[in-house]
N, C-alpha and C. Protein backbone atom coordinates (compact mmCIF):
# COMPACT_ATOMS: atom_id res chain seq x y z
N MET A 1 166.22 136.19 74.12
CA MET A 1 165.30 135.47 74.71
C MET A 1 164.79 134.04 73.66
N ASP A 2 164.81 133.03 74.17
CA ASP A 2 164.53 131.72 73.41
C ASP A 2 163.35 132.05 72.51
N ASN A 3 163.12 131.75 71.37
CA ASN A 3 162.15 131.74 70.72
C ASN A 3 161.08 130.31 70.69
N ASN A 4 161.67 129.50 71.40
CA ASN A 4 160.98 128.23 71.72
C ASN A 4 159.97 128.67 72.70
N LEU A 5 159.92 129.59 73.54
CA LEU A 5 158.83 129.77 74.50
C LEU A 5 157.52 130.19 73.93
N LYS A 6 156.57 129.49 74.26
CA LYS A 6 155.22 129.59 73.87
C LYS A 6 154.51 130.49 74.71
N PHE A 7 154.81 130.76 76.10
CA PHE A 7 154.15 131.63 76.90
C PHE A 7 155.21 132.68 77.60
N GLY A 8 156.02 133.00 77.33
CA GLY A 8 157.14 133.79 77.66
C GLY A 8 156.84 135.42 77.75
N GLU A 9 155.83 135.52 77.32
CA GLU A 9 155.39 137.30 77.34
C GLU A 9 154.54 137.48 78.66
N LYS A 10 154.22 136.78 79.45
CA LYS A 10 153.47 136.75 80.84
C LYS A 10 154.25 136.99 81.80
N LEU A 11 154.59 138.06 82.19
CA LEU A 11 155.67 138.42 83.27
C LEU A 11 154.71 138.48 84.52
N ILE A 12 155.19 137.74 85.83
CA ILE A 12 154.50 138.04 87.07
C ILE A 12 155.38 138.85 88.42
N LYS A 13 154.73 139.50 88.92
CA LYS A 13 155.62 139.89 90.06
C LYS A 13 155.57 139.01 91.25
N MET A 14 157.00 138.49 91.38
CA MET A 14 157.07 137.37 92.37
C MET A 14 157.73 138.25 93.82
N GLU A 15 157.36 137.99 94.99
CA GLU A 15 157.97 138.42 95.94
C GLU A 15 158.32 137.37 97.28
N GLY A 16 159.14 137.49 98.02
CA GLY A 16 159.68 136.59 98.77
C GLY A 16 160.39 137.28 100.07
N VAL A 17 160.71 136.43 101.09
CA VAL A 17 161.46 136.87 102.41
C VAL A 17 162.82 136.04 102.45
N CYS A 18 163.99 136.86 102.65
CA CYS A 18 165.12 136.27 102.60
C CYS A 18 165.30 135.29 103.87
N VAL A 19 165.59 134.22 103.81
CA VAL A 19 165.70 133.35 105.00
C VAL A 19 167.16 132.61 105.13
N GLY A 20 168.01 133.04 104.13
CA GLY A 20 169.31 132.66 104.27
C GLY A 20 170.46 133.22 103.47
N ILE A 21 171.51 133.39 103.99
CA ILE A 21 172.56 133.99 103.11
C ILE A 21 173.83 133.27 103.36
N ASP A 22 174.76 132.88 102.42
CA ASP A 22 175.71 132.31 102.65
C ASP A 22 177.03 133.12 101.76
N ASP A 23 178.15 132.74 101.58
CA ASP A 23 179.17 133.42 100.83
C ASP A 23 178.88 133.60 99.18
N CYS A 24 177.91 132.67 98.76
CA CYS A 24 177.68 132.82 97.44
C CYS A 24 176.28 133.18 96.76
N SER A 25 175.28 132.86 97.84
CA SER A 25 173.97 132.83 97.43
C SER A 25 172.83 133.52 98.44
N ILE A 26 171.74 133.73 98.17
CA ILE A 26 170.76 134.19 98.90
C ILE A 26 169.51 133.21 98.80
N SER A 27 168.78 132.81 100.11
CA SER A 27 167.95 132.14 99.79
C SER A 27 166.63 132.70 100.33
N VAL A 28 165.27 132.65 99.42
CA VAL A 28 164.05 133.37 99.60
C VAL A 28 163.31 132.31 99.60
N ASP A 29 162.07 132.48 101.00
CA ASP A 29 160.97 131.71 100.73
C ASP A 29 159.88 132.85 99.87
N LEU A 30 159.35 132.28 98.96
CA LEU A 30 158.49 132.74 98.10
C LEU A 30 157.09 132.98 98.87
N LYS A 31 156.56 133.91 98.75
CA LYS A 31 155.23 134.67 99.58
C LYS A 31 154.01 133.72 99.06
N GLY A 32 152.87 133.56 99.51
CA GLY A 32 151.88 132.59 99.00
C GLY A 32 152.17 131.06 98.93
N ARG A 33 153.16 130.72 99.84
CA ARG A 33 153.55 129.39 99.76
C ARG A 33 153.61 128.56 98.31
N LEU A 34 154.62 129.53 97.64
CA LEU A 34 154.81 128.85 96.41
C LEU A 34 156.12 128.48 96.13
N GLY A 35 156.81 128.21 97.19
CA GLY A 35 158.15 127.43 97.41
C GLY A 35 159.23 128.22 97.95
N PHE A 36 160.22 128.02 97.04
CA PHE A 36 161.77 128.23 97.87
C PHE A 36 162.67 128.70 96.47
N PHE A 37 163.40 129.91 96.59
CA PHE A 37 164.27 130.41 95.77
C PHE A 37 165.55 130.51 96.04
N LYS A 38 166.45 130.00 95.57
CA LYS A 38 167.95 130.33 95.86
C LYS A 38 168.73 130.62 94.36
N ALA A 39 169.38 131.74 94.65
CA ALA A 39 170.38 132.24 93.47
C ALA A 39 171.63 132.73 93.94
N PRO A 40 172.64 133.01 92.95
CA PRO A 40 173.69 133.49 93.28
C PRO A 40 173.87 134.86 93.73
N LYS A 41 174.50 135.52 94.57
CA LYS A 41 174.25 136.74 95.20
C LYS A 41 174.47 137.76 94.07
N ARG A 42 175.14 137.46 93.09
CA ARG A 42 175.47 138.52 91.76
C ARG A 42 174.22 138.65 91.10
N MET A 43 173.06 137.72 91.39
CA MET A 43 171.91 137.98 90.53
C MET A 43 170.93 138.84 91.46
N PHE A 44 171.43 139.37 92.58
CA PHE A 44 170.32 140.31 93.41
C PHE A 44 170.95 141.58 93.15
N ILE A 45 169.99 142.74 93.06
CA ILE A 45 170.17 144.02 93.05
C ILE A 45 170.28 144.57 94.51
N CYS A 46 171.05 144.91 95.14
CA CYS A 46 170.94 145.42 96.51
C CYS A 46 171.48 146.78 96.49
N ASP A 47 171.07 147.70 97.36
CA ASP A 47 171.64 149.02 97.98
C ASP A 47 172.58 148.83 98.84
N VAL A 48 172.26 148.10 100.01
CA VAL A 48 172.76 147.78 101.05
C VAL A 48 173.17 146.03 101.43
N GLU A 49 173.80 145.69 102.05
CA GLU A 49 174.01 144.63 102.52
C GLU A 49 172.68 143.55 102.66
N PRO A 50 172.53 142.55 101.80
CA PRO A 50 171.39 141.84 102.33
C PRO A 50 171.39 141.04 103.71
N LYS A 51 169.94 141.13 104.47
CA LYS A 51 170.06 140.55 105.66
C LYS A 51 168.80 139.59 105.83
N VAL A 52 168.97 138.44 106.51
CA VAL A 52 167.83 137.68 106.71
C VAL A 52 166.50 138.30 107.25
N GLY A 53 165.58 138.03 106.74
CA GLY A 53 164.32 138.80 107.02
C GLY A 53 163.84 139.82 106.14
N GLN A 54 164.73 140.43 105.01
CA GLN A 54 164.44 141.47 104.30
C GLN A 54 163.64 140.85 103.05
N GLU A 55 162.66 141.71 102.64
CA GLU A 55 162.13 141.26 101.36
C GLU A 55 162.45 141.43 100.07
N PHE A 56 162.16 140.59 99.15
CA PHE A 56 162.99 140.97 97.74
C PHE A 56 161.70 140.66 96.72
N GLY A 57 161.93 141.27 95.53
CA GLY A 57 160.69 141.26 94.73
C GLY A 57 161.36 141.10 93.13
N TRP A 58 160.58 140.37 92.05
CA TRP A 58 161.16 140.24 90.97
C TRP A 58 160.00 140.04 90.17
N MET A 59 160.33 140.15 88.69
CA MET A 59 159.63 140.04 87.75
C MET A 59 159.97 138.65 86.88
N MET A 60 159.25 137.51 86.76
CA MET A 60 159.37 136.39 86.15
C MET A 60 158.22 135.68 85.74
N SER A 61 158.42 134.66 84.79
CA SER A 61 157.41 133.97 84.09
C SER A 61 157.35 132.51 84.52
N PHE A 62 156.41 131.77 84.59
CA PHE A 62 156.40 130.30 84.95
C PHE A 62 157.58 129.61 84.03
N PRO A 63 158.45 128.63 84.73
CA PRO A 63 159.11 127.97 83.83
C PRO A 63 158.23 126.90 83.12
N GLU A 64 158.94 126.82 81.71
CA GLU A 64 157.98 126.29 80.48
C GLU A 64 159.17 125.20 80.14
N GLN A 65 158.51 124.03 79.77
CA GLN A 65 159.30 122.73 79.34
C GLN A 65 159.68 123.08 77.98
N LEU A 66 160.87 122.89 77.56
CA LEU A 66 161.40 123.29 76.28
C LEU A 66 161.51 122.20 75.21
N SER A 67 161.18 120.87 75.91
CA SER A 67 161.18 119.87 74.91
C SER A 67 160.75 118.71 75.70
N PRO A 68 160.21 117.53 75.13
CA PRO A 68 159.77 116.34 75.61
C PRO A 68 161.07 115.55 75.82
N GLU A 69 162.13 115.94 75.09
CA GLU A 69 163.02 115.01 75.17
C GLU A 69 164.19 115.10 76.37
N VAL A 70 164.62 114.11 76.84
CA VAL A 70 165.83 114.51 77.86
C VAL A 70 167.20 114.73 77.53
N ASN A 71 167.78 115.78 78.01
CA ASN A 71 168.97 116.14 77.78
C ASN A 71 170.06 115.32 78.09
N GLU A 72 170.57 114.31 77.45
CA GLU A 72 171.20 113.18 77.83
C GLU A 72 172.79 113.62 78.84
N LYS A 73 173.15 115.01 78.17
CA LYS A 73 174.48 115.09 78.86
C LYS A 73 174.23 115.62 80.29
N TYR A 74 173.39 116.63 80.59
CA TYR A 74 172.77 116.85 81.77
C TYR A 74 172.44 115.60 82.77
N PHE A 75 171.43 114.71 81.99
CA PHE A 75 170.92 113.65 82.90
C PHE A 75 172.14 113.01 83.18
N SER A 76 173.36 112.40 82.31
CA SER A 76 174.53 111.76 82.83
C SER A 76 175.19 112.41 83.98
N ASN A 77 175.26 113.56 83.97
CA ASN A 77 176.18 114.37 85.01
C ASN A 77 175.40 114.51 86.30
N ILE A 78 174.09 114.37 86.40
CA ILE A 78 173.34 114.32 87.35
C ILE A 78 173.26 112.84 87.83
N GLU A 79 173.25 111.98 87.27
CA GLU A 79 173.42 110.58 87.69
C GLU A 79 174.85 110.14 88.28
N LYS A 80 175.87 110.78 87.63
CA LYS A 80 177.26 110.79 88.11
C LYS A 80 177.37 111.23 89.58
N GLU A 81 176.95 112.33 89.62
CA GLU A 81 176.94 113.18 90.77
C GLU A 81 175.92 112.42 91.85
N ARG A 82 174.94 111.94 91.73
CA ARG A 82 174.22 110.95 92.67
C ARG A 82 175.06 109.79 93.03
N ARG A 83 175.61 109.33 91.94
CA ARG A 83 176.49 107.91 92.35
C ARG A 83 177.64 108.35 93.41
N LYS A 84 178.27 109.49 93.03
CA LYS A 84 179.36 109.96 93.78
C LYS A 84 178.91 110.28 95.53
N GLN A 85 177.79 111.04 95.24
CA GLN A 85 177.13 111.42 96.64
C GLN A 85 176.78 109.99 97.66
N LYS A 86 176.21 109.31 96.90
CA LYS A 86 175.76 107.80 97.39
C LYS A 86 177.03 107.03 97.74
N GLU A 87 178.32 106.81 97.12
CA GLU A 87 179.42 106.37 97.55
C GLU A 87 180.15 106.91 98.84
N MET A 88 180.05 108.28 98.71
CA MET A 88 180.77 109.15 100.09
C MET A 88 179.91 108.77 101.19
N GLN A 89 178.56 108.87 101.18
CA GLN A 89 177.67 108.45 102.29
C GLN A 89 178.13 107.01 102.93
N ALA A 90 178.05 106.21 101.72
CA ALA A 90 178.52 104.78 102.11
C ALA A 90 179.60 104.59 102.97
N ARG A 91 180.93 105.31 102.39
CA ARG A 91 182.10 105.28 103.04
C ARG A 91 182.09 106.03 104.55
N LEU A 92 181.32 107.04 104.59
CA LEU A 92 181.09 107.59 105.91
C LEU A 92 180.41 106.80 106.91
N ASN A 93 179.40 106.10 106.55
CA ASN A 93 178.66 105.14 107.28
C ASN A 93 179.72 104.01 107.73
N ASN A 94 180.52 103.62 106.95
CA ASN A 94 181.40 102.42 107.17
C ASN A 94 182.19 102.87 108.14
N LYS A 95 182.68 104.10 108.13
CA LYS A 95 183.66 104.53 109.01
C LYS A 95 183.15 104.93 110.60
N GLU A 96 181.98 104.99 110.57
CA GLU A 96 181.21 105.28 111.91
C GLU A 96 180.98 103.85 112.52
N GLU A 97 180.83 102.96 111.77
CA GLU A 97 180.75 101.40 112.52
C GLU A 97 181.77 101.15 113.23
């Protein structure tokens, strides 16, 4: 565990309902209108094949900001991906016209 966390000791039981399954991941709507959670299948512990509508539960803490600084490497990669997606969308739009 990262020692930078100030509030890392407070674990909370979270629950949700499976709303989607694909080849690689499971999507869960959190109970209490807390949002949406999607994670790789390998992160889920299941006795049987998961199905839409099943409930899941786990322990977690609230995400905590580690630093006020932007991680330039990740930010750069995010911007590159956004530009690439925008260019691809523009090409698709031009082909449709």
